[in-house]
N, C-alpha and C. Protein backbone atom coordinates (compact mmCIF):
# COMPACT_ATOMS: atom_id res chain seq x y z
N UNK A 1 13.63 -21.10 -2.08
CA UNK A 1 12.47 -20.25 -2.03
C UNK A 1 12.06 -19.96 -0.55
N UNK A 2 11.47 -18.87 -0.24
CA UNK A 2 11.03 -18.58 0.95
C UNK A 2 9.84 -19.43 1.42
N UNK A 3 9.90 -20.03 2.56
CA UNK A 3 8.87 -20.94 3.08
C UNK A 3 7.56 -20.28 3.50
N UNK A 4 7.67 -19.14 4.15
CA UNK A 4 6.51 -18.56 4.74
C UNK A 4 5.86 -17.57 3.78
N UNK A 5 4.59 -17.37 3.83
CA UNK A 5 3.86 -16.41 3.06
C UNK A 5 3.83 -15.10 3.70
N UNK A 6 3.61 -14.02 2.97
CA UNK A 6 3.53 -12.65 3.40
C UNK A 6 2.10 -12.29 3.37
N UNK A 7 1.54 -11.62 4.43
CA UNK A 7 0.18 -11.04 4.45
C UNK A 7 0.36 -9.60 4.47
N UNK A 8 -0.30 -8.86 3.57
CA UNK A 8 -0.35 -7.37 3.56
C UNK A 8 -1.74 -6.98 3.92
N UNK A 9 -2.00 -6.05 4.78
CA UNK A 9 -3.26 -5.55 4.95
C UNK A 9 -3.18 -4.00 4.78
N UNK A 10 -4.17 -3.38 4.10
CA UNK A 10 -4.22 -1.93 4.02
C UNK A 10 -5.63 -1.53 4.64
N UNK A 11 -5.55 -0.45 5.51
CA UNK A 11 -6.72 -0.01 6.21
C UNK A 11 -6.83 1.51 5.88
N UNK A 12 -8.00 1.92 5.50
CA UNK A 12 -8.30 3.27 5.25
C UNK A 12 -8.72 4.03 6.57
N UNK A 13 -7.83 4.84 7.05
CA UNK A 13 -7.95 5.62 8.25
C UNK A 13 -7.99 7.17 7.87
N UNK A 14 -8.25 7.55 6.69
CA UNK A 14 -8.33 8.96 6.27
C UNK A 14 -9.30 9.73 6.89
N UNK A 15 -10.55 9.55 6.71
CA UNK A 15 -11.65 10.23 7.31
C UNK A 15 -13.07 9.57 6.85
N UNK A 16 -14.02 9.70 7.50
CA UNK A 16 -15.25 9.01 7.15
C UNK A 16 -15.81 9.43 5.73
N UNK A 17 -15.43 10.54 5.16
CA UNK A 17 -15.91 10.99 3.87
C UNK A 17 -14.93 10.82 2.78
N UNK A 18 -13.84 10.09 3.03
CA UNK A 18 -12.91 9.93 1.86
C UNK A 18 -12.62 8.42 1.66
N UNK A 19 -12.96 8.01 0.41
CA UNK A 19 -12.63 6.67 -0.09
C UNK A 19 -11.13 6.52 -0.44
N UNK A 20 -10.55 5.47 -0.06
CA UNK A 20 -9.23 5.16 -0.47
C UNK A 20 -9.23 4.27 -1.75
N UNK A 21 -8.90 4.82 -2.78
CA UNK A 21 -9.00 3.94 -4.08
C UNK A 21 -7.62 3.82 -4.75
N UNK A 22 -7.31 2.58 -5.07
CA UNK A 22 -5.95 2.26 -5.55
C UNK A 22 -6.04 1.06 -6.46
N UNK A 23 -5.05 0.88 -7.38
CA UNK A 23 -4.87 -0.24 -8.15
C UNK A 23 -3.54 -0.83 -7.76
N UNK A 24 -3.61 -2.17 -7.37
CA UNK A 24 -2.37 -2.81 -6.79
C UNK A 24 -2.00 -3.89 -7.81
N UNK A 25 -0.74 -3.92 -8.07
CA UNK A 25 -0.19 -5.01 -8.98
C UNK A 25 1.36 -5.25 -8.75
N UNK A 26 1.79 -6.27 -9.23
CA UNK A 26 3.22 -6.65 -9.30
C UNK A 26 3.49 -7.01 -10.76
N UNK A 27 4.76 -7.42 -11.00
CA UNK A 27 5.16 -7.72 -12.30
C UNK A 27 4.38 -9.04 -12.84
N UNK A 28 3.96 -9.85 -11.79
CA UNK A 28 3.25 -11.09 -12.12
C UNK A 28 1.80 -11.12 -11.90
N UNK A 29 1.33 -10.28 -11.03
CA UNK A 29 -0.15 -10.37 -10.61
C UNK A 29 -0.76 -8.98 -10.59
N UNK A 30 -1.82 -8.85 -11.26
CA UNK A 30 -2.57 -7.50 -11.19
C UNK A 30 -3.87 -7.92 -10.37
N UNK A 31 -3.74 -7.24 -9.02
CA UNK A 31 -4.81 -7.47 -8.10
C UNK A 31 -6.08 -6.58 -8.34
N UNK A 32 -6.00 -5.65 -9.25
CA UNK A 32 -7.15 -4.92 -9.64
C UNK A 32 -7.29 -3.69 -8.77
N UNK A 33 -8.29 -2.85 -9.18
CA UNK A 33 -8.62 -1.61 -8.43
C UNK A 33 -9.45 -1.96 -7.26
N UNK A 34 -9.20 -1.26 -6.12
CA UNK A 34 -9.94 -1.40 -4.86
C UNK A 34 -10.30 -0.03 -4.35
N UNK A 35 -11.45 -0.05 -3.75
CA UNK A 35 -11.95 1.22 -3.12
C UNK A 35 -12.34 0.81 -1.71
N UNK A 36 -11.80 1.51 -0.70
CA UNK A 36 -12.01 1.18 0.73
C UNK A 36 -12.70 2.37 1.33
N UNK A 37 -13.87 2.05 2.04
CA UNK A 37 -14.58 3.13 2.85
C UNK A 37 -13.69 3.26 4.03
N UNK A 38 -13.95 4.36 4.79
CA UNK A 38 -13.25 4.56 6.08
C UNK A 38 -13.42 3.43 6.96
N UNK A 39 -12.26 3.07 7.63
CA UNK A 39 -12.12 2.12 8.62
C UNK A 39 -12.47 0.69 8.13
N UNK A 40 -12.29 0.47 6.76
CA UNK A 40 -12.40 -0.92 6.28
C UNK A 40 -10.88 -1.24 5.79
N UNK A 41 -10.80 -2.50 5.56
CA UNK A 41 -9.47 -3.04 5.07
C UNK A 41 -9.53 -3.99 3.97
N UNK A 42 -8.45 -4.20 3.38
CA UNK A 42 -8.28 -5.19 2.28
C UNK A 42 -6.94 -5.89 2.40
N UNK A 43 -6.88 -7.15 2.21
CA UNK A 43 -5.60 -7.89 2.38
C UNK A 43 -5.45 -8.88 1.22
N UNK A 44 -4.17 -9.24 1.08
CA UNK A 44 -3.75 -10.19 0.15
C UNK A 44 -2.47 -10.91 0.69
N UNK A 45 -2.23 -12.16 0.13
CA UNK A 45 -1.11 -12.94 0.48
C UNK A 45 -0.28 -13.36 -0.64
N UNK A 46 0.89 -13.63 -0.43
CA UNK A 46 1.86 -14.06 -1.42
C UNK A 46 3.12 -14.57 -0.84
N UNK A 47 3.96 -15.18 -1.68
CA UNK A 47 5.27 -15.72 -1.26
C UNK A 47 6.36 -14.94 -1.96
N UNK A 48 7.34 -14.46 -1.10
CA UNK A 48 8.49 -13.71 -1.63
C UNK A 48 9.30 -14.69 -2.56
N UNK A 49 9.71 -14.24 -3.70
CA UNK A 49 10.51 -15.08 -4.66
C UNK A 49 11.90 -15.32 -4.05
N UNK A 50 12.62 -16.24 -4.65
CA UNK A 50 13.91 -16.69 -4.27
C UNK A 50 14.95 -15.49 -4.14
N UNK A 51 14.83 -14.61 -5.06
CA UNK A 51 15.87 -13.56 -5.20
C UNK A 51 15.45 -12.34 -4.37
N UNK A 52 14.48 -12.36 -3.55
CA UNK A 52 13.93 -11.18 -2.83
C UNK A 52 13.76 -10.07 -3.58
N UNK A 53 13.02 -10.25 -4.87
CA UNK A 53 12.73 -9.05 -5.68
C UNK A 53 11.21 -8.99 -5.77
N UNK A 54 10.57 -9.51 -5.02
CA UNK A 54 9.10 -9.38 -5.01
C UNK A 54 8.70 -7.96 -4.78
N UNK A 55 7.80 -7.32 -5.58
CA UNK A 55 7.44 -6.00 -5.47
C UNK A 55 5.97 -5.83 -5.91
N UNK A 56 5.17 -5.19 -5.04
CA UNK A 56 3.79 -4.70 -5.36
C UNK A 56 3.82 -3.29 -5.23
N UNK A 57 3.08 -2.56 -6.17
CA UNK A 57 2.95 -1.15 -6.17
C UNK A 57 1.57 -0.79 -6.46
N UNK A 58 1.20 0.48 -6.08
CA UNK A 58 0.00 1.15 -6.33
C UNK A 58 0.16 2.07 -7.56
N UNK A 59 -0.78 1.89 -8.45
CA UNK A 59 -0.81 2.83 -9.59
C UNK A 59 -2.27 3.56 -9.55
N UNK A 60 -2.34 4.67 -10.40
CA UNK A 60 -3.57 5.38 -10.52
C UNK A 60 -4.28 4.92 -11.71
N UNK A 61 -5.46 5.48 -12.00
CA UNK A 61 -6.21 5.12 -13.24
C UNK A 61 -5.50 5.34 -14.53
N UNK A 62 -4.59 6.24 -14.58
CA UNK A 62 -3.97 6.60 -15.79
C UNK A 62 -2.85 5.58 -16.11
N UNK A 63 -2.66 4.55 -15.32
CA UNK A 63 -1.70 3.52 -15.70
C UNK A 63 -0.30 3.91 -15.46
N UNK A 64 0.00 4.83 -14.51
CA UNK A 64 1.38 5.19 -14.34
C UNK A 64 2.17 3.96 -13.94
N UNK A 65 3.54 4.05 -14.23
CA UNK A 65 4.35 2.95 -14.01
C UNK A 65 4.68 2.79 -12.41
N UNK A 66 5.34 1.72 -12.14
CA UNK A 66 5.61 1.49 -10.79
C UNK A 66 6.61 2.52 -10.21
N UNK A 67 7.38 3.09 -11.06
CA UNK A 67 8.33 4.17 -10.56
C UNK A 67 7.53 5.39 -10.10
N UNK A 68 6.35 5.59 -10.72
CA UNK A 68 5.51 6.73 -10.42
C UNK A 68 4.44 6.48 -9.29
N UNK A 69 4.24 5.25 -8.91
CA UNK A 69 3.35 4.95 -7.92
C UNK A 69 4.14 4.67 -6.60
N UNK A 70 3.37 4.16 -5.55
CA UNK A 70 3.93 3.89 -4.32
C UNK A 70 4.15 2.41 -4.25
N UNK A 71 5.40 1.97 -3.77
CA UNK A 71 5.73 0.58 -3.59
C UNK A 71 5.19 0.14 -2.20
N UNK A 72 4.00 -0.62 -2.31
CA UNK A 72 3.38 -1.01 -1.04
C UNK A 72 4.11 -2.24 -0.38
N UNK A 73 4.72 -3.01 -1.20
CA UNK A 73 5.56 -4.11 -0.66
C UNK A 73 6.78 -4.27 -1.47
N UNK A 74 7.94 -4.11 -0.92
CA UNK A 74 9.31 -4.38 -1.57
C UNK A 74 10.03 -5.36 -0.83
N UNK A 75 10.28 -6.45 -1.28
CA UNK A 75 10.85 -7.49 -0.36
C UNK A 75 12.19 -7.04 0.28
N UNK A 76 13.08 -6.41 -0.54
CA UNK A 76 14.49 -6.08 0.13
C UNK A 76 14.22 -5.01 1.23
N UNK A 77 13.13 -4.33 1.24
CA UNK A 77 12.92 -3.36 2.27
C UNK A 77 12.14 -3.87 3.36
N UNK A 78 11.11 -4.72 3.05
CA UNK A 78 10.02 -5.15 3.90
C UNK A 78 10.25 -6.50 4.61
N UNK A 79 11.07 -7.37 4.21
CA UNK A 79 11.37 -8.60 4.81
C UNK A 79 11.79 -8.51 6.20
N UNK A 80 12.71 -7.44 6.46
CA UNK A 80 13.11 -7.20 7.82
C UNK A 80 12.29 -6.17 8.54
N UNK A 81 11.75 -5.25 7.89
CA UNK A 81 10.85 -4.20 8.45
C UNK A 81 9.54 -4.78 9.05
N UNK A 82 8.84 -5.67 8.32
CA UNK A 82 7.52 -6.09 8.81
C UNK A 82 7.48 -7.61 8.77
N UNK A 83 8.53 -8.28 8.36
CA UNK A 83 8.61 -9.84 8.28
C UNK A 83 7.49 -10.29 7.48
N UNK A 84 6.57 -11.19 7.92
CA UNK A 84 5.61 -11.79 7.13
C UNK A 84 4.22 -11.17 7.33
N UNK A 85 4.12 -10.05 8.00
CA UNK A 85 2.78 -9.46 8.20
C UNK A 85 3.01 -7.88 8.20
N UNK A 86 2.48 -7.24 7.14
CA UNK A 86 2.73 -5.86 6.78
C UNK A 86 1.25 -5.23 6.95
N UNK A 87 0.99 -4.48 7.88
CA UNK A 87 -0.27 -3.72 8.06
C UNK A 87 0.03 -2.24 7.81
N UNK A 88 -0.71 -1.67 6.76
CA UNK A 88 -0.53 -0.30 6.38
C UNK A 88 -1.82 0.37 6.83
N UNK A 89 -1.78 1.33 7.72
CA UNK A 89 -2.85 2.23 8.01
C UNK A 89 -2.62 3.55 7.25
N UNK A 90 -3.38 3.92 6.34
CA UNK A 90 -3.23 5.13 5.57
C UNK A 90 -4.10 6.21 6.26
N UNK A 91 -3.34 7.20 6.82
CA UNK A 91 -3.92 8.28 7.67
C UNK A 91 -3.60 9.69 7.14
N UNK A 92 -4.31 10.63 7.59
CA UNK A 92 -4.12 12.06 7.25
C UNK A 92 -4.12 12.89 8.49
N UNK A 93 -2.97 12.88 9.28
CA UNK A 93 -3.01 13.72 10.49
C UNK A 93 -3.01 15.22 10.33
N UNK A 94 -2.55 15.60 9.16
CA UNK A 94 -2.67 17.05 8.79
C UNK A 94 -3.15 17.11 7.23
N UNK A 95 -3.56 18.22 6.90
CA UNK A 95 -3.98 18.30 5.44
C UNK A 95 -2.93 18.32 4.47
N UNK A 96 -1.62 18.54 4.90
CA UNK A 96 -0.59 18.71 3.95
C UNK A 96 0.09 17.42 3.47
N UNK A 97 -0.12 16.32 4.16
CA UNK A 97 0.43 15.03 3.66
C UNK A 97 -0.41 13.89 4.22
N UNK A 98 -0.09 12.70 3.64
CA UNK A 98 -0.61 11.51 4.18
C UNK A 98 0.51 10.77 4.80
N UNK A 99 0.18 10.01 5.81
CA UNK A 99 1.25 9.22 6.50
C UNK A 99 0.82 7.70 6.58
N UNK A 100 1.78 6.82 6.46
CA UNK A 100 1.50 5.41 6.54
C UNK A 100 2.06 4.95 7.95
N UNK A 101 1.15 4.18 8.58
CA UNK A 101 1.57 3.54 9.76
C UNK A 101 1.71 2.09 9.47
N UNK A 102 2.87 1.52 9.83
CA UNK A 102 3.09 0.05 9.55
C UNK A 102 3.12 -0.76 10.81
N UNK A 103 2.36 -1.73 10.97
CA UNK A 103 2.24 -2.53 12.17
C UNK A 103 2.03 -1.68 13.43
N UNK A 104 1.30 -0.59 13.28
CA UNK A 104 1.22 0.25 14.49
C UNK A 104 2.26 1.25 14.77
N UNK A 105 3.35 1.29 14.09
CA UNK A 105 4.38 2.30 14.22
C UNK A 105 4.45 3.34 13.04
N UNK A 106 4.64 4.46 13.42
CA UNK A 106 4.85 5.53 12.39
C UNK A 106 6.19 5.28 11.74
N UNK A 107 6.11 5.44 10.44
CA UNK A 107 7.42 5.30 9.60
C UNK A 107 7.49 6.58 8.83
N UNK A 108 8.62 6.63 8.03
CA UNK A 108 8.92 7.82 7.21
C UNK A 108 8.27 7.74 5.81
N UNK A 109 7.11 6.92 5.67
CA UNK A 109 6.52 6.94 4.41
C UNK A 109 5.53 8.06 4.44
N UNK A 110 5.86 9.22 3.87
CA UNK A 110 4.94 10.35 3.85
C UNK A 110 4.91 10.63 2.34
N UNK A 111 3.74 10.77 1.88
CA UNK A 111 3.45 11.06 0.48
C UNK A 111 2.76 12.43 0.40
N UNK A 112 3.30 13.36 -0.15
CA UNK A 112 2.68 14.69 -0.22
C UNK A 112 1.41 14.52 -1.09
N UNK A 113 0.38 15.26 -0.76
CA UNK A 113 -0.95 15.13 -1.30
C UNK A 113 -0.86 15.25 -2.90
N UNK A 114 -0.14 16.18 -3.40
CA UNK A 114 0.08 16.30 -4.80
C UNK A 114 0.57 14.96 -5.59
N UNK A 115 1.26 14.20 -4.83
CA UNK A 115 1.73 12.87 -5.45
C UNK A 115 0.75 11.72 -5.22
N UNK A 116 -0.28 11.88 -4.35
CA UNK A 116 -1.12 10.80 -4.04
C UNK A 116 -2.58 11.04 -4.18
N UNK A 117 -2.96 12.06 -4.94
CA UNK A 117 -4.36 12.24 -5.24
C UNK A 117 -5.08 11.09 -5.85
N UNK A 118 -4.30 10.24 -6.54
CA UNK A 118 -4.92 8.99 -7.12
C UNK A 118 -5.45 8.12 -6.07
N UNK A 119 -4.95 8.27 -4.92
CA UNK A 119 -5.34 7.34 -3.83
C UNK A 119 -6.66 7.76 -3.16
N UNK A 120 -7.07 9.06 -3.34
CA UNK A 120 -8.25 9.51 -2.59
C UNK A 120 -9.28 10.01 -3.63
N UNK A 121 -10.50 9.67 -3.42
CA UNK A 121 -11.50 10.19 -4.18
C UNK A 121 -12.76 10.37 -3.32
N UNK A 122 -13.39 11.54 -3.38
CA UNK A 122 -14.65 11.67 -2.67
C UNK A 122 -15.70 11.02 -3.49
N UNK A 123 -16.40 10.25 -2.80
CA UNK A 123 -17.56 9.38 -3.52
C UNK A 123 -18.78 9.74 -2.83
């Protein structure tokens, strides 16, 4: 088994009037629905399983499957990319898409707004 734990942090950087709402779960753990106000964060920790198949994904209120949600942590992808600390800043630099910054660096995780409306709710 992997000896070190992984910390994942999600920060809402959308805008002051947009709540970031998501439901995070894995095959073994349902972390529940979370709502983050602008410039606030939420974090959780876990250990990657022996087979490097640990996967956490976001789903919307309609219970869409992990294939339809966003994979917030995927061991085979993220062990090398962000090691044991993955910080996601969810931003909206343009109105056409959302972009995810990981550990301060822009990556190609762009989700077009039509696919991620479940993440944003005006409250």
